[in-house]
């Protein structure tokens, strides 16, 4: 993620918080989204199996999708809070 804000560049704590969030994003929600995409592709390509098996696969995909979106939204809320905190700290120092 590119940072165009000079205030954030001046704040070592802000930089480390952003770096930690970038790592968290890569290792968490982005991995889950990648897994969701792989599972959806497998399901789309699958032609064998009974109707019950396919329904079970679809239900599993729905559960994975819901979980992935919940984790991504939680990450987004945390990310917004960090940005808000950095912005508030920047305003306080000027």
C-alpha atoms as a PDB file:
ATOM      1  CA  UNK A   1       0.000   0.000   0.000  1.00  0.00           C
ATOM      2  CA  UNK A   2       1.420   3.381  -1.026  1.00  0.00           C
ATOM      3  CA  UNK A   3       1.450   6.220   1.474  1.00  0.00           C
ATOM      4  CA  UNK A   4       1.012   9.744   0.072  1.00  0.00           C
ATOM      5  CA  UNK A   5       0.585  11.466   3.421  1.00  0.00           C
ATOM      6  CA  UNK A   6       3.718  13.197   4.786  1.00  0.00           C
ATOM      7  CA  UNK A   7       2.237  13.121   8.291  1.00  0.00           C
ATOM      8  CA  UNK A   8       2.183   9.331   8.239  1.00  0.00           C
ATOM      9  CA  UNK A   9       5.782   9.207   7.018  1.00  0.00           C
ATOM     10  CA  UNK A  10       6.865  11.270  10.030  1.00  0.00           C
ATOM     11  CA  UNK A  11       5.217   8.956  12.539  1.00  0.00           C
ATOM     12  CA  UNK A  12       7.301   5.827  13.221  1.00  0.00           C
ATOM     13  CA  UNK A  13       4.481   4.320  15.261  1.00  0.00           C
ATOM     14  CA  UNK A  14       2.116   5.030  12.372  1.00  0.00           C
ATOM     15  CA  UNK A  15       4.442   3.365   9.898  1.00  0.00           C
ATOM     16  CA  UNK A  16       4.798   0.272  12.047  1.00  0.00           C
ATOM     17  CA  UNK A  17       1.029   0.136  12.588  1.00  0.00           C
ATOM     18  CA  UNK A  18       0.447   0.349   8.840  1.00  0.00           C
ATOM     19  CA  UNK A  19       3.117  -2.284   8.155  1.00  0.00           C
ATOM     20  CA  UNK A  20       1.521  -4.590  10.709  1.00  0.00           C
ATOM     21  CA  UNK A  21      -1.889  -4.086   9.117  1.00  0.00           C
ATOM     22  CA  UNK A  22      -0.487  -4.781   5.647  1.00  0.00           C
ATOM     23  CA  UNK A  23       0.970  -8.050   6.922  1.00  0.00           C
ATOM     24  CA  UNK A  24      -2.287  -8.886   8.668  1.00  0.00           C
ATOM     25  CA  UNK A  25      -4.216  -8.199   5.450  1.00  0.00           C
ATOM     26  CA  UNK A  26      -1.890 -10.393   3.390  1.00  0.00           C
ATOM     27  CA  UNK A  27      -1.906 -13.263   5.878  1.00  0.00           C
ATOM     28  CA  UNK A  28      -5.587 -13.072   6.778  1.00  0.00           C
ATOM     29  CA  UNK A  29      -8.372 -11.702   4.579  1.00  0.00           C
ATOM     30  CA  UNK A  30      -6.442 -11.880   1.297  1.00  0.00           C
ATOM     31  CA  UNK A  31      -5.527 -15.523   1.932  1.00  0.00           C
ATOM     32  CA  UNK A  32      -9.160 -16.276   2.714  1.00  0.00           C
ATOM     33  CA  UNK A  33     -10.324 -14.518  -0.465  1.00  0.00           C
ATOM     34  CA  UNK A  34      -7.810 -16.552  -2.466  1.00  0.00           C
ATOM     35  CA  UNK A  35      -9.107 -19.763  -0.890  1.00  0.00           C
ATOM     36  CA  UNK A  36     -12.695 -18.708  -1.634  1.00  0.00           C
ATOM     37  CA  UNK A  37     -11.782 -18.115  -5.280  1.00  0.00           C
ATOM     38  CA  UNK A  38     -10.063 -21.522  -5.529  1.00  0.00           C
ATOM     39  CA  UNK A  39     -13.035 -23.299  -3.996  1.00  0.00           C
ATOM     40  CA  UNK A  40     -15.493 -21.487  -6.277  1.00  0.00           C
ATOM     41  CA  UNK A  41     -13.396 -22.431  -9.322  1.00  0.00           C
ATOM     42  CA  UNK A  42     -13.283 -26.081  -8.213  1.00  0.00           C
ATOM     43  CA  UNK A  43     -17.038 -26.101  -7.725  1.00  0.00           C
ATOM     44  CA  UNK A  44     -17.659 -24.507 -11.125  1.00  0.00           C
ATOM     45  CA  UNK A  45     -15.402 -27.062 -12.821  1.00  0.00           C
ATOM     46  CA  UNK A  46     -16.868 -30.073 -11.014  1.00  0.00           C
ATOM     47  CA  UNK A  47     -19.278 -32.117 -13.088  1.00  0.00           C
ATOM     48  CA  UNK A  48     -19.216 -35.417 -11.222  1.00  0.00           C
ATOM     49  CA  UNK A  49     -21.005 -36.261  -8.048  1.00  0.00           C
ATOM     50  CA  UNK A  50     -24.523 -36.601  -6.905  1.00  0.00           C
ATOM     51  CA  UNK A  51     -26.923 -33.738  -6.454  1.00  0.00           C
ATOM     52  CA  UNK A  52     -26.567 -34.106  -2.679  1.00  0.00           C
ATOM     53  CA  UNK A  53     -22.770 -33.877  -2.952  1.00  0.00           C
ATOM     54  CA  UNK A  54     -23.010 -30.747  -5.088  1.00  0.00           C
ATOM     55  CA  UNK A  55     -25.469 -29.177  -2.657  1.00  0.00           C
ATOM     56  CA  UNK A  56     -23.111 -29.935   0.219  1.00  0.00           C
ATOM     57  CA  UNK A  57     -20.245 -28.314  -1.727  1.00  0.00           C
ATOM     58  CA  UNK A  58     -22.350 -25.218  -2.360  1.00  0.00           C
ATOM     59  CA  UNK A  59     -23.304 -24.989   1.308  1.00  0.00           C
ATOM     60  CA  UNK A  60     -19.628 -25.239   2.282  1.00  0.00           C
ATOM     61  CA  UNK A  61     -18.798 -22.496  -0.224  1.00  0.00           C
ATOM     62  CA  UNK A  62     -21.504 -20.268   1.263  1.00  0.00           C
ATOM     63  CA  UNK A  63     -20.115 -20.794   4.783  1.00  0.00           C
ATOM     64  CA  UNK A  64     -16.599 -20.026   3.555  1.00  0.00           C
ATOM     65  CA  UNK A  65     -17.855 -16.918   1.778  1.00  0.00           C
ATOM     66  CA  UNK A  66     -19.667 -15.609   4.852  1.00  0.00           C
ATOM     67  CA  UNK A  67     -16.681 -16.239   7.097  1.00  0.00           C
ATOM     68  CA  UNK A  68     -14.315 -14.583   4.624  1.00  0.00           C
ATOM     69  CA  UNK A  69     -16.469 -11.483   4.336  1.00  0.00           C
ATOM     70  CA  UNK A  70     -16.866 -11.213   8.120  1.00  0.00           C
ATOM     71  CA  UNK A  71     -13.093 -11.359   8.578  1.00  0.00           C
ATOM     72  CA  UNK A  72     -12.526  -8.827   5.795  1.00  0.00           C
ATOM     73  CA  UNK A  73     -15.061  -6.425   7.334  1.00  0.00           C
ATOM     74  CA  UNK A  74     -13.437  -6.797  10.768  1.00  0.00           C
ATOM     75  CA  UNK A  75     -10.058  -6.032   9.224  1.00  0.00           C
ATOM     76  CA  UNK A  76     -11.509  -3.003   7.424  1.00  0.00           C
ATOM     77  CA  UNK A  77     -12.954  -1.631  10.665  1.00  0.00           C
ATOM     78  CA  UNK A  78      -9.596  -2.075  12.406  1.00  0.00           C
ATOM     79  CA  UNK A  79      -7.798  -0.444   9.478  1.00  0.00           C
ATOM     80  CA  UNK A  80     -10.173   2.541   9.587  1.00  0.00           C
ATOM     81  CA  UNK A  81      -9.571   2.940  13.329  1.00  0.00           C
ATOM     82  CA  UNK A  82      -5.787   2.972  12.843  1.00  0.00           C
ATOM     83  CA  UNK A  83      -6.036   5.533  10.041  1.00  0.00           C
ATOM     84  CA  UNK A  84      -8.374   7.672  12.149  1.00  0.00           C
ATOM     85  CA  UNK A  85      -5.930   7.463  15.065  1.00  0.00           C
ATOM     86  CA  UNK A  86      -3.006   8.448  12.864  1.00  0.00           C
ATOM     87  CA  UNK A  87      -4.973  11.316  11.381  1.00  0.00           C
ATOM     88  CA  UNK A  88      -6.019  12.534  14.855  1.00  0.00           C
ATOM     89  CA  UNK A  89      -2.418  12.302  16.095  1.00  0.00           C
ATOM     90  CA  UNK A  90      -1.266  14.275  13.059  1.00  0.00           C
ATOM     91  CA  UNK A  91      -3.805  17.021  13.743  1.00  0.00           C
ATOM     92  CA  UNK A  92      -2.802  17.134  17.430  1.00  0.00           C
ATOM     93  CA  UNK A  93       0.885  17.653  16.604  1.00  0.00           C
ATOM     94  CA  UNK A  94       0.270  20.617  14.287  1.00  0.00           C
END
